[in-house]
PDB file of all heavy atoms in Angstrom:
ATOM      1  N   ARG A   1      -6.508  10.454 -12.102  1.00  0.00           N
ATOM      2  CA  ARG A   1      -7.212   9.197 -12.604  1.00  0.00           C
ATOM      3  C   ARG A   1      -6.703   8.852 -13.945  1.00  0.00           C
ATOM      4  O   ARG A   1      -6.304   9.621 -14.766  1.00  0.00           O
ATOM      5  CB  ARG A   1      -8.768   9.677 -12.729  1.00  0.00           C
ATOM      6  CG  ARG A   1      -9.465   9.835 -11.352  1.00  0.00           C
ATOM      7  CD  ARG A   1     -10.928   9.861 -11.492  1.00  0.00           C
ATOM      8  NE  ARG A   1     -11.395  10.872 -12.479  1.00  0.00           N
ATOM      9  CZ  ARG A   1     -11.628  12.092 -12.295  1.00  0.00           C
ATOM     10  NH1 ARG A   1     -11.522  12.640 -11.095  1.00  0.00           N
ATOM     11  NH2 ARG A   1     -12.006  12.860 -13.257  1.00  0.00           N
ATOM     12  N   ILE A   2      -6.738   7.571 -14.138  1.00  0.00           N
ATOM     13  CA  ILE A   2      -6.399   6.950 -15.469  1.00  0.00           C
ATOM     14  C   ILE A   2      -7.589   6.214 -15.944  1.00  0.00           C
ATOM     15  O   ILE A   2      -7.888   5.109 -15.492  1.00  0.00           O
ATOM     16  CB  ILE A   2      -5.150   6.014 -15.228  1.00  0.00           C
ATOM     17  CG1 ILE A   2      -3.995   6.654 -14.603  1.00  0.00           C
ATOM     18  CG2 ILE A   2      -4.811   5.416 -16.636  1.00  0.00           C
ATOM     19  CD1 ILE A   2      -2.871   5.971 -14.206  1.00  0.00           C
ATOM     20  N   GLY A   3      -8.248   6.691 -16.870  1.00  0.00           N
ATOM     21  CA  GLY A   3      -9.430   6.095 -17.395  1.00  0.00           C
ATOM     22  C   GLY A   3     -10.583   6.213 -16.370  1.00  0.00           C
ATOM     23  O   GLY A   3     -10.620   7.009 -15.513  1.00  0.00           O
ATOM     24  N   ALA A   4     -11.568   5.328 -16.517  1.00  0.00           N
ATOM     25  CA  ALA A   4     -12.643   5.277 -15.667  1.00  0.00           C
ATOM     26  C   ALA A   4     -12.521   4.511 -14.354  1.00  0.00           C
ATOM     27  O   ALA A   4     -13.269   4.714 -13.453  1.00  0.00           O
ATOM     28  CB  ALA A   4     -13.933   4.792 -16.338  1.00  0.00           C
ATOM     29  N   GLN A   5     -11.523   3.655 -14.321  1.00  0.00           N
ATOM     30  CA  GLN A   5     -11.484   2.690 -13.156  1.00  0.00           C
ATOM     31  C   GLN A   5     -10.122   2.772 -12.469  1.00  0.00           C
ATOM     32  O   GLN A   5     -10.025   2.100 -11.326  1.00  0.00           O
ATOM     33  CB  GLN A   5     -11.614   1.267 -13.687  1.00  0.00           C
ATOM     34  CG  GLN A   5     -13.019   0.969 -14.264  1.00  0.00           C
ATOM     35  CD  GLN A   5     -13.275  -0.522 -14.742  1.00  0.00           C
ATOM     36  OE1 GLN A   5     -12.281  -0.985 -15.346  1.00  0.00           O
ATOM     37  NE2 GLN A   5     -14.344  -0.976 -14.312  1.00  0.00           N
ATOM     38  N   TRP A   6      -9.187   3.529 -12.805  1.00  0.00           N
ATOM     39  CA  TRP A   6      -7.826   3.639 -12.193  1.00  0.00           C
ATOM     40  C   TRP A   6      -7.432   4.860 -11.721  1.00  0.00           C
ATOM     41  O   TRP A   6      -7.871   5.987 -12.238  1.00  0.00           O
ATOM     42  CB  TRP A   6      -6.762   3.070 -13.228  1.00  0.00           C
ATOM     43  CG  TRP A   6      -6.942   1.662 -13.686  1.00  0.00           C
ATOM     44  CD1 TRP A   6      -7.652   1.346 -14.639  1.00  0.00           C
ATOM     45  CD2 TRP A   6      -6.318   0.528 -13.033  1.00  0.00           C
ATOM     46  NE1 TRP A   6      -7.498  -0.130 -14.757  1.00  0.00           N
ATOM     47  CE2 TRP A   6      -6.763  -0.572 -13.804  1.00  0.00           C
ATOM     48  CE3 TRP A   6      -5.596   0.373 -11.927  1.00  0.00           C
ATOM     49  CZ2 TRP A   6      -6.388  -1.845 -13.428  1.00  0.00           C
ATOM     50  CZ3 TRP A   6      -5.163  -0.968 -11.598  1.00  0.00           C
ATOM     51  CH2 TRP A   6      -5.637  -2.079 -12.361  1.00  0.00           C
ATOM     52  N   LYS A   7      -6.668   4.928 -10.614  1.00  0.00           N
ATOM     53  CA  LYS A   7      -6.166   6.174 -10.082  1.00  0.00           C
ATOM     54  C   LYS A   7      -4.711   5.914  -9.585  1.00  0.00           C
ATOM     55  O   LYS A   7      -4.541   4.935  -8.983  1.00  0.00           O
ATOM     56  CB  LYS A   7      -7.040   6.674  -8.909  1.00  0.00           C
ATOM     57  CG  LYS A   7      -6.633   7.908  -8.293  1.00  0.00           C
ATOM     58  CD  LYS A   7      -7.591   8.428  -7.214  1.00  0.00           C
ATOM     59  CE  LYS A   7      -7.197   9.757  -6.672  1.00  0.00           C
ATOM     60  NZ  LYS A   7      -8.241  10.177  -5.652  1.00  0.00           N
ATOM     61  N   ILE A   8      -3.905   6.814  -9.920  1.00  0.00           N
ATOM     62  CA  ILE A   8      -2.484   6.722  -9.460  1.00  0.00           C
ATOM     63  C   ILE A   8      -2.170   7.897  -8.478  1.00  0.00           C
ATOM     64  O   ILE A   8      -2.688   8.977  -8.667  1.00  0.00           O
ATOM     65  CB  ILE A   8      -1.533   6.752 -10.650  1.00  0.00           C
ATOM     66  CG1 ILE A   8      -0.120   6.411 -10.063  1.00  0.00           C
ATOM     67  CG2 ILE A   8      -1.536   7.994 -11.324  1.00  0.00           C
ATOM     68  CD1 ILE A   8       1.022   6.137 -11.076  1.00  0.00           C
ATOM     69  N   SER A   9      -1.588   7.601  -7.287  1.00  0.00           N
ATOM     70  CA  SER A   9      -1.257   8.537  -6.327  1.00  0.00           C
ATOM     71  C   SER A   9       0.171   8.451  -5.836  1.00  0.00           C
ATOM     72  O   SER A   9       0.796   7.375  -5.958  1.00  0.00           O
ATOM     73  CB  SER A   9      -2.096   8.300  -5.126  1.00  0.00           C
ATOM     74  OG  SER A   9      -3.520   8.412  -5.345  1.00  0.00           O
ATOM     75  N   ILE A  10       0.710   9.625  -5.293  1.00  0.00           N
ATOM     76  CA  ILE A  10       2.041   9.584  -4.794  1.00  0.00           C
ATOM     77  C   ILE A  10       1.958  10.482  -3.407  1.00  0.00           C
ATOM     78  O   ILE A  10       1.208  11.399  -3.354  1.00  0.00           O
ATOM     79  CB  ILE A  10       3.061  10.216  -5.709  1.00  0.00           C
ATOM     80  CG1 ILE A  10       4.471  10.264  -5.128  1.00  0.00           C
ATOM     81  CG2 ILE A  10       2.698  11.600  -6.136  1.00  0.00           C
ATOM     82  CD1 ILE A  10       5.641  10.611  -6.107  1.00  0.00           C
ATOM     83  N   GLU A  11       2.681  10.032  -2.519  1.00  0.00           N
ATOM     84  CA  GLU A  11       2.813  10.695  -1.282  1.00  0.00           C
ATOM     85  C   GLU A  11       4.306  10.646  -0.735  1.00  0.00           C
ATOM     86  O   GLU A  11       4.843   9.535  -0.708  1.00  0.00           O
ATOM     87  CB  GLU A  11       1.841  10.105  -0.140  1.00  0.00           C
ATOM     88  CG  GLU A  11       1.789  10.947   1.045  1.00  0.00           C
ATOM     89  CD  GLU A  11       0.690  10.449   2.013  1.00  0.00           C
ATOM     90  OE1 GLU A  11      -0.330   9.795   1.614  1.00  0.00           O
ATOM     91  OE2 GLU A  11       0.839  10.747   3.163  1.00  0.00           O
ATOM     92  N   ALA A  12       4.923  11.681  -0.286  1.00  0.00           N
ATOM     93  CA  ALA A  12       6.207  11.711   0.235  1.00  0.00           C
ATOM     94  C   ALA A  12       6.477  12.833   1.342  1.00  0.00           C
ATOM     95  O   ALA A  12       5.706  13.751   1.298  1.00  0.00           O
ATOM     96  CB  ALA A  12       7.204  12.144  -0.995  1.00  0.00           C
ATOM     97  N   ARG A  13       7.216  12.437   2.211  1.00  0.00           N
ATOM     98  CA  ARG A  13       7.593  13.278   3.396  1.00  0.00           C
ATOM     99  C   ARG A  13       9.095  13.092   3.541  1.00  0.00           C
ATOM    100  O   ARG A  13       9.713  12.028   3.499  1.00  0.00           O
ATOM    101  CB  ARG A  13       6.954  12.758   4.614  1.00  0.00           C
ATOM    102  CG  ARG A  13       5.472  12.723   4.627  1.00  0.00           C
ATOM    103  CD  ARG A  13       4.777  14.157   4.852  1.00  0.00           C
ATOM    104  NE  ARG A  13       3.464  14.009   4.953  1.00  0.00           N
ATOM    105  CZ  ARG A  13       2.552  13.914   3.921  1.00  0.00           C
ATOM    106  NH1 ARG A  13       2.966  14.000   2.684  1.00  0.00           N
ATOM    107  NH2 ARG A  13       1.246  13.845   4.151  1.00  0.00           N
ATOM    108  N   ALA A  14       9.779  14.307   3.726  1.00  0.00           N
ATOM    109  CA  ALA A  14      11.214  14.256   3.956  1.00  0.00           C
ATOM    110  C   ALA A  14      11.586  15.213   5.228  1.00  0.00           C
ATOM    111  O   ALA A  14      11.110  16.410   5.259  1.00  0.00           O
ATOM    112  CB  ALA A  14      11.916  14.676   2.830  1.00  0.00           C
ATOM    113  N   TYR A  15      12.408  14.665   6.096  1.00  0.00           N
ATOM    114  CA  TYR A  15      12.968  15.553   7.207  1.00  0.00           C
ATOM    115  C   TYR A  15      14.361  15.845   7.006  1.00  0.00           C
ATOM    116  O   TYR A  15      15.107  15.003   6.761  1.00  0.00           O
ATOM    117  CB  TYR A  15      12.668  14.754   8.549  1.00  0.00           C
ATOM    118  CG  TYR A  15      11.354  14.436   8.974  1.00  0.00           C
ATOM    119  CD1 TYR A  15      10.637  13.264   8.480  1.00  0.00           C
ATOM    120  CD2 TYR A  15      10.603  15.263   9.775  1.00  0.00           C
ATOM    121  CE1 TYR A  15       9.435  12.939   8.766  1.00  0.00           C
ATOM    122  CE2 TYR A  15       9.340  14.956  10.060  1.00  0.00           C
ATOM    123  CZ  TYR A  15       8.730  13.817   9.655  1.00  0.00           C
ATOM    124  OH  TYR A  15       7.450  13.498  10.046  1.00  0.00           O
ATOM    125  N   VAL A  16      14.689  17.170   6.946  1.00  0.00           N
ATOM    126  CA  VAL A  16      16.130  17.484   6.544  1.00  0.00           C
ATOM    127  C   VAL A  16      16.683  18.342   7.711  1.00  0.00           C
ATOM    128  O   VAL A  16      16.039  19.291   8.205  1.00  0.00           O
ATOM    129  CB  VAL A  16      15.969  18.367   5.326  1.00  0.00           C
ATOM    130  CG1 VAL A  16      17.397  18.829   4.845  1.00  0.00           C
ATOM    131  CG2 VAL A  16      15.249  17.576   4.160  1.00  0.00           C
ATOM    132  N   ALA A  17      17.924  18.009   7.918  1.00  0.00           N
ATOM    133  CA  ALA A  17      18.824  18.812   8.906  1.00  0.00           C
ATOM    134  C   ALA A  17      18.101  18.906  10.281  1.00  0.00           C
ATOM    135  O   ALA A  17      18.093  20.014  10.855  1.00  0.00           O
ATOM    136  CB  ALA A  17      19.153  20.191   8.339  1.00  0.00           C
ATOM    137  N   VAL A  18      17.675  17.767  10.761  1.00  0.00           N
ATOM    138  CA  VAL A  18      16.959  17.788  12.070  1.00  0.00           C
ATOM    139  C   VAL A  18      18.048  17.808  13.197  1.00  0.00           C
ATOM    140  O   VAL A  18      18.838  16.974  13.256  1.00  0.00           O
ATOM    141  CB  VAL A  18      16.071  16.589  12.185  1.00  0.00           C
ATOM    142  CG1 VAL A  18      15.371  16.640  13.607  1.00  0.00           C
ATOM    143  CG2 VAL A  18      14.976  16.454  11.274  1.00  0.00           C
ATOM    144  N   ALA A  19      18.101  18.819  14.065  1.00  0.00           N
ATOM    145  CA  ALA A  19      19.111  19.061  15.022  1.00  0.00           C
ATOM    146  C   ALA A  19      18.697  18.035  16.203  1.00  0.00           C
ATOM    147  O   ALA A  19      17.563  17.669  16.532  1.00  0.00           O
ATOM    148  CB  ALA A  19      19.029  20.507  15.556  1.00  0.00           C
ATOM    149  N   PRO A  20      19.704  17.582  16.944  1.00  0.00           N
ATOM    150  CA  PRO A  20      19.508  16.683  18.101  1.00  0.00           C
ATOM    151  C   PRO A  20      18.652  17.248  19.198  1.00  0.00           C
ATOM    152  O   PRO A  20      17.960  16.492  19.796  1.00  0.00           O
ATOM    153  CB  PRO A  20      20.931  16.515  18.571  1.00  0.00           C
ATOM    154  CG  PRO A  20      21.809  16.689  17.462  1.00  0.00           C
ATOM    155  CD  PRO A  20      21.111  17.778  16.702  1.00  0.00           C
ATOM    156  N   ASN A  21      18.517  18.562  19.318  1.00  0.00           N
ATOM    157  CA  ASN A  21      17.718  19.100  20.357  1.00  0.00           C
ATOM    158  C   ASN A  21      16.294  19.523  19.806  1.00  0.00           C
ATOM    159  O   ASN A  21      15.528  20.163  20.559  1.00  0.00           O
ATOM    160  CB  ASN A  21      18.371  20.273  20.969  1.00  0.00           C
ATOM    161  CG  ASN A  21      18.731  21.424  20.006  1.00  0.00           C
ATOM    162  OD1 ASN A  21      18.781  21.263  18.777  1.00  0.00           O
ATOM    163  ND2 ASN A  21      19.019  22.641  20.547  1.00  0.00           N
ATOM    164  N   ASP A  22      15.977  19.191  18.556  1.00  0.00           N
ATOM    165  CA  ASP A  22      14.604  19.520  17.991  1.00  0.00           C
ATOM    166  C   ASP A  22      13.714  18.289  18.475  1.00  0.00           C
ATOM    167  O   ASP A  22      14.064  17.114  18.442  1.00  0.00           O
ATOM    168  CB  ASP A  22      14.862  19.509  16.449  1.00  0.00           C
ATOM    169  CG  ASP A  22      13.558  20.033  15.743  1.00  0.00           C
ATOM    170  OD1 ASP A  22      12.474  19.488  16.069  1.00  0.00           O
ATOM    171  OD2 ASP A  22      13.670  20.958  15.008  1.00  0.00           O
ATOM    172  N   PRO A  23      12.442  18.671  18.738  1.00  0.00           N
ATOM    173  CA  PRO A  23      11.439  17.605  19.055  1.00  0.00           C
ATOM    174  C   PRO A  23      11.189  16.665  18.044  1.00  0.00           C
ATOM    175  O   PRO A  23      10.795  15.469  18.321  1.00  0.00           O
ATOM    176  CB  PRO A  23      10.209  18.452  19.392  1.00  0.00           C
ATOM    177  CG  PRO A  23      10.639  19.823  19.842  1.00  0.00           C
ATOM    178  CD  PRO A  23      11.978  20.024  18.994  1.00  0.00           C
ATOM    179  N   LEU A  24      11.610  17.042  16.741  1.00  0.00           N
ATOM    180  CA  LEU A  24      11.324  16.151  15.636  1.00  0.00           C
ATOM    181  C   LEU A  24      12.524  15.148  15.500  1.00  0.00           C
ATOM    182  O   LEU A  24      12.520  14.306  14.459  1.00  0.00           O
ATOM    183  CB  LEU A  24      11.182  16.826  14.386  1.00  0.00           C
ATOM    184  CG  LEU A  24       9.837  17.705  14.186  1.00  0.00           C
ATOM    185  CD1 LEU A  24       9.739  18.490  12.878  1.00  0.00           C
ATOM    186  CD2 LEU A  24       8.654  16.717  14.210  1.00  0.00           C
ATOM    187  N   TYR A  25      13.492  15.189  16.301  1.00  0.00           N
ATOM    188  CA  TYR A  25      14.728  14.401  16.159  1.00  0.00           C
ATOM    189  C   TYR A  25      14.464  12.979  15.998  1.00  0.00           C
ATOM    190  O   TYR A  25      15.064  12.230  15.303  1.00  0.00           O
ATOM    191  CB  TYR A  25      15.753  14.679  17.221  1.00  0.00           C
ATOM    192  CG  TYR A  25      17.125  14.045  17.116  1.00  0.00           C
ATOM    193  CD1 TYR A  25      18.022  14.607  16.075  1.00  0.00           C
ATOM    194  CD2 TYR A  25      17.448  12.910  17.832  1.00  0.00           C
ATOM    195  CE1 TYR A  25      19.196  14.015  15.823  1.00  0.00           C
ATOM    196  CE2 TYR A  25      18.734  12.384  17.564  1.00  0.00           C
ATOM    197  CZ  TYR A  25      19.560  12.866  16.625  1.00  0.00           C
ATOM    198  OH  TYR A  25      20.803  12.310  16.397  1.00  0.00           O
ATOM    199  N   SER A  26      13.497  12.369  16.741  1.00  0.00           N
ATOM    200  CA  SER A  26      13.236  10.925  16.704  1.00  0.00           C
ATOM    201  C   SER A  26      12.660  10.584  15.286  1.00  0.00           C
ATOM    202  O   SER A  26      12.590   9.328  15.043  1.00  0.00           O
ATOM    203  CB  SER A  26      12.168  10.601  17.683  1.00  0.00           C
ATOM    204  OG  SER A  26      10.952  11.191  17.703  1.00  0.00           O
ATOM    205  N   LEU A  27      12.159  11.533  14.549  1.00  0.00           N
ATOM    206  CA  LEU A  27      11.632  11.263  13.322  1.00  0.00           C
ATOM    207  C   LEU A  27      12.606  11.464  12.077  1.00  0.00           C
ATOM    208  O   LEU A  27      12.268  11.416  10.957  1.00  0.00           O
ATOM    209  CB  LEU A  27      10.445  12.118  12.961  1.00  0.00           C
ATOM    210  CG  LEU A  27       9.267  12.045  13.910  1.00  0.00           C
ATOM    211  CD1 LEU A  27       8.156  12.960  13.629  1.00  0.00           C
ATOM    212  CD2 LEU A  27       8.723  10.507  13.950  1.00  0.00           C
ATOM    213  N   ARG A  28      13.863  11.820  12.477  1.00  0.00           N
ATOM    214  CA  ARG A  28      14.855  12.270  11.389  1.00  0.00           C
ATOM    215  C   ARG A  28      14.933  11.198  10.271  1.00  0.00           C
ATOM    216  O   ARG A  28      15.399  11.558   9.162  1.00  0.00           O
ATOM    217  CB  ARG A  28      16.098  12.609  12.085  1.00  0.00           C
ATOM    218  CG  ARG A  28      16.908  11.415  12.683  1.00  0.00           C
ATOM    219  CD  ARG A  28      18.033  11.784  13.500  1.00  0.00           C
ATOM    220  NE  ARG A  28      18.759  10.696  14.159  1.00  0.00           N
ATOM    221  CZ  ARG A  28      18.248   9.940  15.188  1.00  0.00           C
ATOM    222  NH1 ARG A  28      17.100  10.286  15.699  1.00  0.00           N
ATOM    223  NH2 ARG A  28      18.910   8.838  15.620  1.00  0.00           N
ATOM    224  N   ASN A  29      14.928   9.909  10.667  1.00  0.00           N
ATOM    225  CA  ASN A  29      15.010   8.756   9.553  1.00  0.00           C
ATOM    226  C   ASN A  29      13.666   8.325   9.074  1.00  0.00           C
ATOM    227  O   ASN A  29      13.662   7.220   8.528  1.00  0.00           O
ATOM    228  CB  ASN A  29      15.841   7.740  10.251  1.00  0.00           C
ATOM    229  CG  ASN A  29      17.309   7.985  10.610  1.00  0.00           C
ATOM    230  OD1 ASN A  29      17.908   8.842   9.878  1.00  0.00           O
ATOM    231  ND2 ASN A  29      17.674   7.659  11.685  1.00  0.00           N
ATOM    232  N   ASP A  30      12.616   9.036   9.231  1.00  0.00           N
ATOM    233  CA  ASP A  30      11.336   8.544   8.875  1.00  0.00           C
ATOM    234  C   ASP A  30      10.850   9.128   7.553  1.00  0.00           C
ATOM    235  O   ASP A  30       9.558   9.191   7.297  1.00  0.00           O
ATOM    236  CB  ASP A  30      10.243   8.870   9.955  1.00  0.00           C
ATOM    237  CG  ASP A  30      10.513   7.951  11.176  1.00  0.00           C
ATOM    238  OD1 ASP A  30      11.205   7.094  11.098  1.00  0.00           O
ATOM    239  OD2 ASP A  30       9.727   8.204  12.233  1.00  0.00           O
ATOM    240  N   ASP A  31      11.693   9.455   6.720  1.00  0.00           N
ATOM    241  CA  ASP A  31      11.394   9.895   5.379  1.00  0.00           C
ATOM    242  C   ASP A  31      10.655   8.761   4.618  1.00  0.00           C
ATOM    243  O   ASP A  31      10.938   7.589   4.879  1.00  0.00           O
ATOM    244  CB  ASP A  31      12.569  10.309   4.478  1.00  0.00           C
ATOM    245  CG  ASP A  31      13.364  11.378   5.086  1.00  0.00           C
ATOM    246  OD1 ASP A  31      12.895  12.064   6.002  1.00  0.00           O
ATOM    247  OD2 ASP A  31      14.554  11.554   4.691  1.00  0.00           O
ATOM    248  N   TYR A  32       9.701   8.987   3.838  1.00  0.00           N
ATOM    249  CA  TYR A  32       9.029   8.039   3.033  1.00  0.00           C
ATOM    250  C   TYR A  32       8.556   8.436   1.722  1.00  0.00           C
ATOM    251  O   TYR A  32       8.302   9.681   1.460  1.00  0.00           O
ATOM    252  CB  TYR A  32       7.969   7.328   3.858  1.00  0.00           C
ATOM    253  CG  TYR A  32       6.645   8.022   4.011  1.00  0.00           C
ATOM    254  CD1 TYR A  32       5.640   7.798   3.233  1.00  0.00           C
ATOM    255  CD2 TYR A  32       6.408   8.913   5.099  1.00  0.00           C
ATOM    256  CE1 TYR A  32       4.450   8.539   3.310  1.00  0.00           C
ATOM    257  CE2 TYR A  32       5.323   9.603   5.279  1.00  0.00           C
ATOM    258  CZ  TYR A  32       4.303   9.379   4.468  1.00  0.00           C
ATOM    259  OH  TYR A  32       3.115   9.984   4.595  1.00  0.00           O
ATOM    260  N   LEU A  33       8.391   7.540   0.765  1.00  0.00           N
ATOM    261  CA  LEU A  33       7.822   7.675  -0.426  1.00  0.00           C
ATOM    262  C   LEU A  33       6.768   6.579  -0.806  1.00  0.00           C
ATOM    263  O   LEU A  33       7.238   5.372  -0.614  1.00  0.00           O
ATOM    264  CB  LEU A  33       8.953   7.759  -1.555  1.00  0.00           C
ATOM    265  CG  LEU A  33       8.561   7.717  -2.953  1.00  0.00           C
ATOM    266  CD1 LEU A  33       7.806   9.163  -3.323  1.00  0.00           C
ATOM    267  CD2 LEU A  33       9.665   7.686  -3.869  1.00  0.00           C
ATOM    268  N   GLN A  34       5.627   6.900  -1.139  1.00  0.00           N
ATOM    269  CA  GLN A  34       4.659   5.884  -1.443  1.00  0.00           C
ATOM    270  C   GLN A  34       3.926   6.157  -2.777  1.00  0.00           C
ATOM    271  O   GLN A  34       3.525   7.154  -3.060  1.00  0.00           O
ATOM    272  CB  GLN A  34       3.492   5.949  -0.270  1.00  0.00           C
ATOM    273  CG  GLN A  34       2.337   4.994  -0.535  1.00  0.00           C
ATOM    274  CD  GLN A  34       1.396   5.144   0.528  1.00  0.00           C
ATOM    275  OE1 GLN A  34       1.764   5.172   1.775  1.00  0.00           O
ATOM    276  NE2 GLN A  34       0.148   5.293   0.309  1.00  0.00           N
ATOM    277  N   PHE A  35       3.872   5.113  -3.519  1.00  0.00           N
ATOM    278  CA  PHE A  35       3.114   5.144  -4.927  1.00  0.00           C
ATOM    279  C   PHE A  35       1.969   4.100  -4.605  1.00  0.00           C
ATOM    280  O   PHE A  35       1.959   3.115  -3.972  1.00  0.00           O
ATOM    281  CB  PHE A  35       3.956   4.686  -6.073  1.00  0.00           C
ATOM    282  CG  PHE A  35       5.003   5.553  -6.398  1.00  0.00           C
ATOM    283  CD1 PHE A  35       6.347   5.412  -6.026  1.00  0.00           C
ATOM    284  CD2 PHE A  35       4.724   6.657  -7.130  1.00  0.00           C
ATOM    285  CE1 PHE A  35       7.339   6.133  -6.345  1.00  0.00           C
ATOM    286  CE2 PHE A  35       5.739   7.570  -7.496  1.00  0.00           C
ATOM    287  CZ  PHE A  35       7.058   7.306  -7.146  1.00  0.00           C
ATOM    288  N   GLU A  36       0.758   4.593  -5.246  1.00  0.00           N
ATOM    289  CA  GLU A  36      -0.338   3.755  -5.127  1.00  0.00           C
ATOM    290  C   GLU A  36      -1.050   3.768  -6.400  1.00  0.00           C
ATOM    291  O   GLU A  36      -1.357   4.770  -7.074  1.00  0.00           O
ATOM    292  CB  GLU A  36      -1.466   4.262  -3.939  1.00  0.00           C
ATOM    293  CG  GLU A  36      -2.597   3.492  -3.810  1.00  0.00           C
ATOM    294  CD  GLU A  36      -3.473   4.087  -2.795  1.00  0.00           C
ATOM    295  OE1 GLU A  36      -3.780   5.220  -2.867  1.00  0.00           O
ATOM    296  OE2 GLU A  36      -3.856   3.321  -1.875  1.00  0.00           O
TER     297      GLU A  36
END
């Protein structure tokens, strides 16, 4: 929280070294970073 009325948040996910035979392979390029 920043003061009484504001809030800052961060969320991030990263997929690293995903092998082609891994069930997560379709998500290999779905890394993200979000600030709010």
